[in-house]
C-alpha atoms as a PDB file:
ATOM      1  CA  UNK A   1       0.000   0.000   0.000  1.00  0.00           C
ATOM      2  CA  UNK A   2       1.315   3.445  -0.934  1.00  0.00           C
ATOM      3  CA  UNK A   3       2.369   5.721   1.887  1.00  0.00           C
ATOM      4  CA  UNK A   4       0.743   9.139   1.551  1.00  0.00           C
ATOM      5  CA  UNK A   5       3.088  11.896   2.675  1.00  0.00           C
ATOM      6  CA  UNK A   6       1.107  14.984   1.650  1.00  0.00           C
ATOM      7  CA  UNK A   7      -2.562  15.861   1.256  1.00  0.00           C
ATOM      8  CA  UNK A   8      -3.615  19.153  -0.356  1.00  0.00           C
ATOM      9  CA  UNK A   9      -7.290  20.088  -0.042  1.00  0.00           C
ATOM     10  CA  UNK A  10      -9.082  22.980  -1.741  1.00  0.00           C
ATOM     11  CA  UNK A  11      -6.005  25.201  -1.786  1.00  0.00           C
ATOM     12  CA  UNK A  12      -6.709  28.802  -2.695  1.00  0.00           C
ATOM     13  CA  UNK A  13      -4.426  31.820  -3.060  1.00  0.00           C
ATOM     14  CA  UNK A  14      -5.489  35.455  -3.455  1.00  0.00           C
ATOM     15  CA  UNK A  15      -3.312  38.559  -3.751  1.00  0.00           C
ATOM     16  CA  UNK A  16      -4.454  41.986  -2.620  1.00  0.00           C
ATOM     17  CA  UNK A  17      -3.373  45.553  -3.226  1.00  0.00           C
ATOM     18  CA  UNK A  18      -5.055  48.865  -2.387  1.00  0.00           C
ATOM     19  CA  UNK A  19      -7.503  48.592  -5.282  1.00  0.00           C
ATOM     20  CA  UNK A  20      -7.757  45.003  -6.439  1.00  0.00           C
ATOM     21  CA  UNK A  21      -8.035  41.389  -5.436  1.00  0.00           C
ATOM     22  CA  UNK A  22      -6.333  38.842  -7.716  1.00  0.00           C
ATOM     23  CA  UNK A  23      -7.323  35.199  -7.491  1.00  0.00           C
ATOM     24  CA  UNK A  24      -4.201  33.229  -8.446  1.00  0.00           C
ATOM     25  CA  UNK A  25      -5.264  29.733  -7.381  1.00  0.00           C
ATOM     26  CA  UNK A  26      -8.969  28.946  -7.318  1.00  0.00           C
ATOM     27  CA  UNK A  27      -9.025  25.429  -5.899  1.00  0.00           C
ATOM     28  CA  UNK A  28      -6.382  22.708  -6.029  1.00  0.00           C
ATOM     29  CA  UNK A  29      -6.558  19.293  -4.362  1.00  0.00           C
ATOM     30  CA  UNK A  30      -4.244  16.297  -4.756  1.00  0.00           C
ATOM     31  CA  UNK A  31      -2.242  13.781  -2.728  1.00  0.00           C
ATOM     32  CA  UNK A  32       1.457  12.931  -2.907  1.00  0.00           C
ATOM     33  CA  UNK A  33       2.871   9.498  -2.111  1.00  0.00           C
ATOM     34  CA  UNK A  34       6.287   8.382  -0.931  1.00  0.00           C
ATOM     35  CA  UNK A  35       8.972   8.215  -3.668  1.00  0.00           C
ATOM     36  CA  UNK A  36       6.531   9.562  -6.260  1.00  0.00           C
ATOM     37  CA  UNK A  37       7.673  11.966  -8.985  1.00  0.00           C
ATOM     38  CA  UNK A  38       4.940  14.481  -9.829  1.00  0.00           C
ATOM     39  CA  UNK A  39       5.202  17.169 -12.495  1.00  0.00           C
ATOM     40  CA  UNK A  40       2.967  20.224 -12.621  1.00  0.00           C
ATOM     41  CA  UNK A  41       2.425  21.896 -15.981  1.00  0.00           C
ATOM     42  CA  UNK A  42       0.188  24.774 -16.977  1.00  0.00           C
ATOM     43  CA  UNK A  43       0.063  28.096 -18.824  1.00  0.00           C
ATOM     44  CA  UNK A  44       2.476  30.870 -17.833  1.00  0.00           C
ATOM     45  CA  UNK A  45       1.183  32.808 -14.849  1.00  0.00           C
ATOM     46  CA  UNK A  46      -1.227  30.108 -13.698  1.00  0.00           C
ATOM     47  CA  UNK A  47       0.311  29.784 -10.229  1.00  0.00           C
ATOM     48  CA  UNK A  48       2.618  26.768 -10.563  1.00  0.00           C
ATOM     49  CA  UNK A  49       5.519  28.418  -8.748  1.00  0.00           C
ATOM     50  CA  UNK A  50       3.107  29.999  -6.263  1.00  0.00           C
ATOM     51  CA  UNK A  51       1.929  26.516  -5.344  1.00  0.00           C
ATOM     52  CA  UNK A  52       5.503  25.403  -4.616  1.00  0.00           C
ATOM     53  CA  UNK A  53       6.144  28.568  -2.587  1.00  0.00           C
ATOM     54  CA  UNK A  54       3.102  27.818  -0.446  1.00  0.00           C
ATOM     55  CA  UNK A  55       4.232  24.232   0.129  1.00  0.00           C
ATOM     56  CA  UNK A  56       7.691  25.508   1.090  1.00  0.00           C
ATOM     57  CA  UNK A  57       6.181  28.034   3.548  1.00  0.00           C
ATOM     58  CA  UNK A  58       7.573  30.960   1.566  1.00  0.00           C
ATOM     59  CA  UNK A  59       4.059  32.252   0.902  1.00  0.00           C
ATOM     60  CA  UNK A  60       0.854  31.891   2.912  1.00  0.00           C
ATOM     61  CA  UNK A  61      -2.224  30.201   1.514  1.00  0.00           C
ATOM     62  CA  UNK A  62      -5.553  32.036   1.557  1.00  0.00           C
ATOM     63  CA  UNK A  63      -7.728  28.989   2.159  1.00  0.00           C
ATOM     64  CA  UNK A  64      -7.501  25.214   2.156  1.00  0.00           C
ATOM     65  CA  UNK A  65      -5.502  22.529   3.930  1.00  0.00           C
ATOM     66  CA  UNK A  66      -1.937  21.235   3.599  1.00  0.00           C
ATOM     67  CA  UNK A  67      -1.526  18.074   5.645  1.00  0.00           C
ATOM     68  CA  UNK A  68       1.856  16.348   5.986  1.00  0.00           C
ATOM     69  CA  UNK A  69       2.199  12.812   7.311  1.00  0.00           C
ATOM     70  CA  UNK A  70       4.549  13.927  10.086  1.00  0.00           C
ATOM     71  CA  UNK A  71       5.557  16.967  12.076  1.00  0.00           C
ATOM     72  CA  UNK A  72       8.696  18.959  11.245  1.00  0.00           C
ATOM     73  CA  UNK A  73       8.685  17.924   7.599  1.00  0.00           C
ATOM     74  CA  UNK A  74      11.980  18.722   5.840  1.00  0.00           C
ATOM     75  CA  UNK A  75      11.513  20.382   2.439  1.00  0.00           C
ATOM     76  CA  UNK A  76      14.211  20.813  -0.181  1.00  0.00           C
ATOM     77  CA  UNK A  77      13.599  23.620  -2.693  1.00  0.00           C
ATOM     78  CA  UNK A  78      15.650  23.799  -5.916  1.00  0.00           C
ATOM     79  CA  UNK A  79      15.217  26.905  -8.083  1.00  0.00           C
ATOM     80  CA  UNK A  80      15.999  27.807 -11.702  1.00  0.00           C
ATOM     81  CA  UNK A  81      19.385  29.336 -10.906  1.00  0.00           C
ATOM     82  CA  UNK A  82      22.153  27.245  -9.382  1.00  0.00           C
ATOM     83  CA  UNK A  83      22.753  30.093  -6.868  1.00  0.00           C
ATOM     84  CA  UNK A  84      26.265  28.916  -6.062  1.00  0.00           C
ATOM     85  CA  UNK A  85      28.557  31.405  -4.334  1.00  0.00           C
ATOM     86  CA  UNK A  86      31.553  31.988  -6.633  1.00  0.00           C
ATOM     87  CA  UNK A  87      33.964  32.646  -3.743  1.00  0.00           C
ATOM     88  CA  UNK A  88      33.179  29.365  -1.989  1.00  0.00           C
ATOM     89  CA  UNK A  89      34.516  25.943  -2.931  1.00  0.00           C
ATOM     90  CA  UNK A  90      32.185  23.266  -4.266  1.00  0.00           C
ATOM     91  CA  UNK A  91      32.219  21.494  -0.914  1.00  0.00           C
ATOM     92  CA  UNK A  92      31.514  24.695   1.004  1.00  0.00           C
ATOM     93  CA  UNK A  93      28.640  25.509  -1.385  1.00  0.00           C
ATOM     94  CA  UNK A  94      27.176  22.059  -0.839  1.00  0.00           C
ATOM     95  CA  UNK A  95      27.335  22.516   2.950  1.00  0.00           C
ATOM     96  CA  UNK A  96      25.513  25.879   3.088  1.00  0.00           C
ATOM     97  CA  UNK A  97      22.091  24.417   3.897  1.00  0.00           C
ATOM     98  CA  UNK A  98      23.496  22.462   6.812  1.00  0.00           C
ATOM     99  CA  UNK A  99      25.302  25.568   8.092  1.00  0.00           C
ATOM    100  CA  UNK A 100      22.116  27.648   7.942  1.00  0.00           C
ATOM    101  CA  UNK A 101      20.197  24.971   9.836  1.00  0.00           C
ATOM    102  CA  UNK A 102      23.075  24.566  12.321  1.00  0.00           C
ATOM    103  CA  UNK A 103      23.350  20.879  11.455  1.00  0.00           C
ATOM    104  CA  UNK A 104      26.904  20.837  10.122  1.00  0.00           C
ATOM    105  CA  UNK A 105      28.102  17.824  12.095  1.00  0.00           C
ATOM    106  CA  UNK A 106      31.056  15.641  11.156  1.00  0.00           C
ATOM    107  CA  UNK A 107      28.625  12.903  10.132  1.00  0.00           C
ATOM    108  CA  UNK A 108      26.566  15.220   7.909  1.00  0.00           C
ATOM    109  CA  UNK A 109      29.676  16.687   6.286  1.00  0.00           C
ATOM    110  CA  UNK A 110      30.891  13.183   5.462  1.00  0.00           C
ATOM    111  CA  UNK A 111      27.467  12.404   3.992  1.00  0.00           C
ATOM    112  CA  UNK A 112      27.755  15.395   1.631  1.00  0.00           C
ATOM    113  CA  UNK A 113      31.326  14.542   0.641  1.00  0.00           C
ATOM    114  CA  UNK A 114      30.195  11.011  -0.215  1.00  0.00           C
ATOM    115  CA  UNK A 115      27.343  12.391  -2.346  1.00  0.00           C
ATOM    116  CA  UNK A 116      29.731  14.646  -4.262  1.00  0.00           C
ATOM    117  CA  UNK A 117      32.101  11.725  -4.861  1.00  0.00           C
ATOM    118  CA  UNK A 118      29.267   9.363  -5.776  1.00  0.00           C
ATOM    119  CA  UNK A 119      27.918  11.686  -8.444  1.00  0.00           C
ATOM    120  CA  UNK A 120      31.100  12.576 -10.301  1.00  0.00           C
ATOM    121  CA  UNK A 121      32.412  15.578  -8.386  1.00  0.00           C
ATOM    122  CA  UNK A 122      35.215  14.045  -6.307  1.00  0.00           C
ATOM    123  CA  UNK A 123      37.896  15.939  -8.261  1.00  0.00           C
ATOM    124  CA  UNK A 124      36.138  19.281  -7.706  1.00  0.00           C
ATOM    125  CA  UNK A 125      35.567  19.356  -3.936  1.00  0.00           C
ATOM    126  CA  UNK A 126      38.028  22.206  -3.399  1.00  0.00           C
ATOM    127  CA  UNK A 127      37.603  23.971  -6.729  1.00  0.00           C
ATOM    128  CA  UNK A 128      35.259  26.892  -7.392  1.00  0.00           C
ATOM    129  CA  UNK A 129      32.015  27.123  -9.413  1.00  0.00           C
ATOM    130  CA  UNK A 130      33.797  28.856 -12.301  1.00  0.00           C
ATOM    131  CA  UNK A 131      35.568  25.557 -13.042  1.00  0.00           C
ATOM    132  CA  UNK A 132      32.283  23.655 -13.500  1.00  0.00           C
ATOM    133  CA  UNK A 133      29.965  23.237 -16.487  1.00  0.00           C
ATOM    134  CA  UNK A 134      26.323  24.272 -16.168  1.00  0.00           C
ATOM    135  CA  UNK A 135      25.296  20.668 -15.664  1.00  0.00           C
ATOM    136  CA  UNK A 136      27.846  20.096 -12.917  1.00  0.00           C
ATOM    137  CA  UNK A 137      26.656  23.240 -11.138  1.00  0.00           C
ATOM    138  CA  UNK A 138      23.111  21.860 -11.154  1.00  0.00           C
ATOM    139  CA  UNK A 139      24.412  18.613  -9.664  1.00  0.00           C
ATOM    140  CA  UNK A 140      26.087  20.574  -6.858  1.00  0.00           C
ATOM    141  CA  UNK A 141      22.859  22.494  -6.285  1.00  0.00           C
ATOM    142  CA  UNK A 142      20.891  19.259  -6.037  1.00  0.00           C
ATOM    143  CA  UNK A 143      23.430  17.743  -3.637  1.00  0.00           C
ATOM    144  CA  UNK A 144      23.233  20.909  -1.520  1.00  0.00           C
ATOM    145  CA  UNK A 145      19.471  20.354  -1.413  1.00  0.00           C
ATOM    146  CA  UNK A 146      19.872  16.664  -0.572  1.00  0.00           C
ATOM    147  CA  UNK A 147      22.369  17.512   2.185  1.00  0.00           C
ATOM    148  CA  UNK A 148      19.565  18.454   4.582  1.00  0.00           C
ATOM    149  CA  UNK A 149      17.965  15.026   3.973  1.00  0.00           C
ATOM    150  CA  UNK A 150      14.617  16.366   2.780  1.00  0.00           C
ATOM    151  CA  UNK A 151      11.408  14.366   2.954  1.00  0.00           C
ATOM    152  CA  UNK A 152      10.287  15.975  -0.308  1.00  0.00           C
ATOM    153  CA  UNK A 153      12.020  17.902  -3.115  1.00  0.00           C
ATOM    154  CA  UNK A 154      10.392  20.862  -4.840  1.00  0.00           C
ATOM    155  CA  UNK A 155      11.941  21.638  -8.233  1.00  0.00           C
ATOM    156  CA  UNK A 156      10.916  24.960  -9.776  1.00  0.00           C
ATOM    157  CA  UNK A 157      11.939  25.039 -13.451  1.00  0.00           C
ATOM    158  CA  UNK A 158      15.280  23.671 -12.322  1.00  0.00           C
ATOM    159  CA  UNK A 159      16.643  23.179 -15.854  1.00  0.00           C
ATOM    160  CA  UNK A 160      15.178  26.160 -17.702  1.00  0.00           C
ATOM    161  CA  UNK A 161      18.424  28.168 -17.669  1.00  0.00           C
ATOM    162  CA  UNK A 162      20.230  25.487 -19.691  1.00  0.00           C
ATOM    163  CA  UNK A 163      20.370  25.136 -23.475  1.00  0.00           C
ATOM    164  CA  UNK A 164      18.304  22.279 -24.913  1.00  0.00           C
ATOM    165  CA  UNK A 165      21.199  19.846 -25.344  1.00  0.00           C
ATOM    166  CA  UNK A 166      22.532  20.424 -21.823  1.00  0.00           C
ATOM    167  CA  UNK A 167      19.009  20.280 -20.418  1.00  0.00           C
ATOM    168  CA  UNK A 168      18.474  16.720 -21.650  1.00  0.00           C
ATOM    169  CA  UNK A 169      21.745  15.523 -20.132  1.00  0.00           C
ATOM    170  CA  UNK A 170      21.406  17.401 -16.844  1.00  0.00           C
ATOM    171  CA  UNK A 171      17.763  16.524 -16.250  1.00  0.00           C
ATOM    172  CA  UNK A 172      18.605  12.833 -16.743  1.00  0.00           C
ATOM    173  CA  UNK A 173      21.502  13.151 -14.281  1.00  0.00           C
ATOM    174  CA  UNK A 174      19.247  14.817 -11.723  1.00  0.00           C
ATOM    175  CA  UNK A 175      16.483  12.256 -12.241  1.00  0.00           C
ATOM    176  CA  UNK A 176      18.933   9.393 -11.710  1.00  0.00           C
ATOM    177  CA  UNK A 177      20.246  10.949  -8.493  1.00  0.00           C
ATOM    178  CA  UNK A 178      16.714  11.501  -7.191  1.00  0.00           C
ATOM    179  CA  UNK A 179      15.720   7.908  -7.909  1.00  0.00           C
ATOM    180  CA  UNK A 180      18.955   6.529  -6.436  1.00  0.00           C
ATOM    181  CA  UNK A 181      18.335   8.503  -3.242  1.00  0.00           C
ATOM    182  CA  UNK A 182      14.645   7.433  -3.108  1.00  0.00           C
ATOM    183  CA  UNK A 183      13.257  10.965  -2.943  1.00  0.00           C
ATOM    184  CA  UNK A 184       9.713  12.251  -3.422  1.00  0.00           C
ATOM    185  CA  UNK A 185       9.469  15.107  -5.930  1.00  0.00           C
ATOM    186  CA  UNK A 186       7.066  17.786  -7.093  1.00  0.00           C
ATOM    187  CA  UNK A 187       8.471  19.505 -10.176  1.00  0.00           C
ATOM    188  CA  UNK A 188       7.156  22.566 -11.986  1.00  0.00           C
ATOM    189  CA  UNK A 189       8.088  22.629 -15.665  1.00  0.00           C
ATOM    190  CA  UNK A 190       7.021  24.178 -18.967  1.00  0.00           C
ATOM    191  CA  UNK A 191       8.388  21.169 -20.853  1.00  0.00           C
ATOM    192  CA  UNK A 192       5.809  18.518 -21.689  1.00  0.00           C
ATOM    193  CA  UNK A 193       8.621  16.200 -22.840  1.00  0.00           C
ATOM    194  CA  UNK A 194      10.410  16.585 -19.512  1.00  0.00           C
ATOM    195  CA  UNK A 195       7.235  15.933 -17.551  1.00  0.00           C
ATOM    196  CA  UNK A 196       6.307  12.816 -19.549  1.00  0.00           C
ATOM    197  CA  UNK A 197       9.844  11.403 -19.433  1.00  0.00           C
ATOM    198  CA  UNK A 198      10.339  11.540 -15.681  1.00  0.00           C
ATOM    199  CA  UNK A 199       6.952  11.639 -13.966  1.00  0.00           C
ATOM    200  CA  UNK A 200       4.776   9.034 -12.321  1.00  0.00           C
ATOM    201  CA  UNK A 201       1.917  11.540 -12.528  1.00  0.00           C
ATOM    202  CA  UNK A 202       1.399  14.827 -14.357  1.00  0.00           C
ATOM    203  CA  UNK A 203      -0.972  17.467 -13.008  1.00  0.00           C
ATOM    204  CA  UNK A 204      -2.226  19.934 -15.618  1.00  0.00           C
ATOM    205  CA  UNK A 205      -3.416  23.299 -14.327  1.00  0.00           C
ATOM    206  CA  UNK A 206      -5.808  25.670 -16.054  1.00  0.00           C
ATOM    207  CA  UNK A 207      -5.280  29.353 -16.753  1.00  0.00           C
ATOM    208  CA  UNK A 208      -5.463  31.717 -13.776  1.00  0.00           C
ATOM    209  CA  UNK A 209      -7.300  31.428 -11.461  1.00  0.00           C
ATOM    210  CA  UNK A 210      -5.953  27.916 -11.654  1.00  0.00           C
ATOM    211  CA  UNK A 211      -7.620  24.647 -10.897  1.00  0.00           C
ATOM    212  CA  UNK A 212      -6.730  21.109 -11.939  1.00  0.00           C
ATOM    213  CA  UNK A 213      -7.811  20.279 -15.489  1.00  0.00           C
ATOM    214  CA  UNK A 214      -6.458  16.736 -15.585  1.00  0.00           C
ATOM    215  CA  UNK A 215      -4.179  14.316 -13.796  1.00  0.00           C
ATOM    216  CA  UNK A 216      -2.369  11.706 -15.895  1.00  0.00           C
ATOM    217  CA  UNK A 217      -0.785   8.509 -14.592  1.00  0.00           C
ATOM    218  CA  UNK A 218       2.307   7.953 -16.732  1.00  0.00           C
ATOM    219  CA  UNK A 219       3.261   4.353 -17.390  1.00  0.00           C
ATOM    220  CA  UNK A 220       6.064   3.105 -19.630  1.00  0.00           C
ATOM    221  CA  UNK A 221       7.914  -0.168 -20.038  1.00  0.00           C
ATOM    222  CA  UNK A 222      11.264   1.302 -21.032  1.00  0.00           C
ATOM    223  CA  UNK A 223      13.950   3.184 -19.128  1.00  0.00           C
ATOM    224  CA  UNK A 224      13.134   6.817 -18.398  1.00  0.00           C
ATOM    225  CA  UNK A 225      15.341   8.308 -21.085  1.00  0.00           C
ATOM    226  CA  UNK A 226      14.506  11.218 -23.424  1.00  0.00           C
ATOM    227  CA  UNK A 227      15.388   9.254 -26.569  1.00  0.00           C
ATOM    228  CA  UNK A 228      14.176   5.765 -25.657  1.00  0.00           C
ATOM    229  CA  UNK A 229      10.889   6.825 -24.167  1.00  0.00           C
ATOM    230  CA  UNK A 230       9.710   8.555 -27.337  1.00  0.00           C
ATOM    231  CA  UNK A 231       9.531   5.124 -28.952  1.00  0.00           C
ATOM    232  CA  UNK A 232       6.882   4.007 -26.465  1.00  0.00           C
ATOM    233  CA  UNK A 233       3.531   3.590 -28.206  1.00  0.00           C
ATOM    234  CA  UNK A 234       1.635   5.737 -25.688  1.00  0.00           C
ATOM    235  CA  UNK A 235       4.168   8.601 -25.576  1.00  0.00           C
ATOM    236  CA  UNK A 236       2.453  10.575 -28.339  1.00  0.00           C
ATOM    237  CA  UNK A 237      -0.948  10.009 -26.750  1.00  0.00           C
ATOM    238  CA  UNK A 238       0.209  11.519 -23.476  1.00  0.00           C
ATOM    239  CA  UNK A 239       1.821  14.414 -25.313  1.00  0.00           C
ATOM    240  CA  UNK A 240      -1.266  15.154 -27.416  1.00  0.00           C
ATOM    241  CA  UNK A 241      -3.631  15.049 -24.437  1.00  0.00           C
ATOM    242  CA  UNK A 242      -1.496  17.382 -22.343  1.00  0.00           C
ATOM    243  CA  UNK A 243      -0.900  19.736 -25.288  1.00  0.00           C
ATOM    244  CA  UNK A 244      -4.646  19.872 -25.857  1.00  0.00           C
ATOM    245  CA  UNK A 245      -5.287  20.660 -22.194  1.00  0.00           C
ATOM    246  CA  UNK A 246      -2.799  23.531 -22.269  1.00  0.00           C
ATOM    247  CA  UNK A 247      -4.243  25.050 -25.438  1.00  0.00           C
ATOM    248  CA  UNK A 248      -7.954  24.904 -24.756  1.00  0.00           C
END
């Protein structure tokens, strides 16, 4: 039986200024299960990133419920930019989250060093971000996020700053790391291909004020790879249905 780690019920978000009220999210409800990879797609400005900000406690919800399966849930939030400090070494960059949370123990530092070594960065521990490719920087950013041992990862357009060729390679690297580390993920993306390739479920949001238009369970027989997966017979069906949802 699947272990539910998050329940979202009738989530609503309004913004106010002196003259107007803007309804960004009308009503969103869905559950998230352990080790599940969920992608959220929708038109620009529909509130995808707002939803992640609410889950990460960066923004307040207006109405609705967010129920976690345990107290003191640990949330990892990975943004579009790698946000690495150029004057810090790769290891020091990867340890920042632990320093902020005052959890930089010898054991936790060793855990991060092992992650960096495990995922191809052992020769760069004491080098600086300028010596890394864009893809390697994203790997460091992910490892920095994993360092705090999050219960769930929130990825907000994490690959959008990369060119298309790098994006395919880096997103596959990140996906493999996430699966190897048995993490639960909610990812916001504008890429239908990316969502179909990596997700267990895809949630399609409507235009603002957003609500859920459809939820698709994604099932393939082959390895989750950008090139191989396009040969699956139901790939085009998923793509066409999601494209249609986004353009209605």
